[in-house]
Amino acid sequence: MIFSLIGYVFYLVAVVAGYLAAYGILIQVFPDYGILHIIIGGVVSLMFFPLIPLYPGVMLGDWTLALICYISILLGVILTKQGSKVK
C-alpha cells in the first residue's frame, strides 16, 4: 500500500515537471497569454507531459526538467510494481 502511494507521488512529480516545461514554452510562444491559452495548453500538456520536457533539453540545453520527469516515472513504475507484489 505504501509503495503504491509513493509511486503515485512520483507520477505526480513527473506531471508537475511536464507542466513546468509546458509553462516555459507557453511564455516563449505567447508572452501575453490568456485563459484560452492556459486551458488548451493544460489539456495538451496532460496528454504529452513526458515529451514536453525534451524541448527545453534539446533547444535550450536545460535537461533538468527532463531528468526529473523521466526519473520520477521510472521510480513510480518500480514502486507501484513493488506495491502490487507485496499484497
Protein backbone atom coordinates (compact mmCIF):
# COMPACT_ATOMS: atom_id res chain seq x y z
CA MET A 1 0.00 0.00 0.00
CA ILE A 2 2.72 2.48 0.95
CA PHE A 3 4.81 1.59 -2.13
CA SER A 4 1.86 2.30 -4.41
CA LEU A 5 1.19 5.61 -2.68
CA ILE A 6 4.82 6.71 -3.00
CA GLY A 7 4.79 5.56 -6.65
CA TYR A 8 1.78 7.78 -7.35
CA VAL A 9 3.56 10.69 -5.71
CA PHE A 10 6.45 10.16 -8.13
CA TYR A 11 3.97 10.14 -11.03
CA LEU A 12 2.62 13.44 -9.74
CA VAL A 13 6.15 14.87 -9.64
CA ALA A 14 6.61 13.80 -13.28
CA VAL A 15 3.38 15.53 -14.31
CA VAL A 16 4.38 18.71 -12.47
CA ALA A 17 7.77 18.68 -14.24
CA GLY A 18 5.95 18.35 -17.57
CA TYR A 19 3.65 21.25 -16.69
CA LEU A 20 6.61 23.43 -15.70
CA ALA A 21 8.26 22.75 -19.04
CA ALA A 22 4.98 23.49 -20.83
CA TYR A 23 4.64 26.76 -18.95
CA GLY A 24 8.14 27.76 -20.07
CA ILE A 25 7.18 27.03 -23.67
CA LEU A 26 3.92 28.99 -23.24
CA ILE A 27 5.83 32.03 -22.00
CA GLN A 28 8.17 31.84 -25.01
CA VAL A 29 5.43 31.40 -27.62
CA PHE A 30 2.70 33.65 -26.17
CA PRO A 31 4.16 36.30 -23.84
CA ASP A 32 0.70 37.86 -23.36
CA TYR A 33 -1.23 34.62 -22.88
CA GLY A 34 -4.88 34.45 -21.84
CA ILE A 35 -7.23 31.94 -20.26
CA LEU A 36 -7.84 30.16 -23.58
CA HIS A 37 -4.10 29.52 -23.99
CA ILE A 38 -3.91 28.12 -20.46
CA ILE A 39 -6.89 25.76 -20.98
CA ILE A 40 -5.67 24.44 -24.33
CA GLY A 41 -2.08 24.20 -23.11
CA GLY A 42 -3.19 22.37 -19.98
CA VAL A 43 -5.09 19.72 -21.94
CA VAL A 44 -2.27 19.23 -24.44
CA SER A 45 0.29 19.15 -21.64
CA LEU A 46 -1.63 16.43 -19.83
CA MET A 47 -1.63 14.28 -22.96
CA PHE A 48 2.04 14.77 -23.82
CA PHE A 49 3.71 15.53 -20.46
CA PRO A 50 6.57 13.01 -20.94
CA LEU A 51 7.56 14.57 -24.28
CA ILE A 52 7.30 18.25 -23.38
CA PRO A 53 10.46 18.42 -21.18
CA LEU A 54 12.52 17.31 -24.18
CA TYR A 55 12.03 20.68 -25.88
CA PRO A 56 13.98 22.74 -23.29
CA GLY A 57 16.59 20.00 -23.23
CA VAL A 58 17.19 19.90 -26.96
CA MET A 59 16.66 23.56 -27.83
CA LEU A 60 17.98 25.34 -24.74
CA GLY A 61 20.34 22.75 -23.25
CA ASP A 62 18.40 22.65 -19.96
CA TRP A 63 17.85 18.95 -19.22
CA THR A 64 16.79 19.41 -15.59
CA LEU A 65 13.03 19.01 -16.10
CA ALA A 66 13.51 16.07 -18.47
CA LEU A 67 15.68 14.25 -15.94
CA ILE A 68 13.23 14.92 -13.13
CA CYS A 69 10.31 13.74 -15.26
CA TYR A 70 11.88 10.53 -16.52
CA ILE A 71 13.49 9.53 -13.22
CA SER A 72 10.17 10.14 -11.45
CA ILE A 73 8.33 7.97 -13.99
CA LEU A 74 10.94 5.24 -13.56
CA LEU A 75 10.68 5.31 -9.77
CA GLY A 76 6.89 5.45 -9.98
CA VAL A 77 6.77 2.34 -12.14
CA ILE A 78 9.20 0.46 -9.89
CA LEU A 79 7.41 1.37 -6.68
CA THR A 80 3.89 0.65 -7.92
CA LYS A 81 5.04 -2.76 -9.21
CA GLN A 82 6.70 -3.40 -5.86
CA GLY A 83 3.48 -2.40 -4.12
CA SER A 84 1.46 -4.87 -6.15
CA LYS A 85 3.91 -7.68 -5.26
CA VAL A 86 3.67 -7.05 -1.52
CA LYS A 87 -0.08 -7.73 -1.35
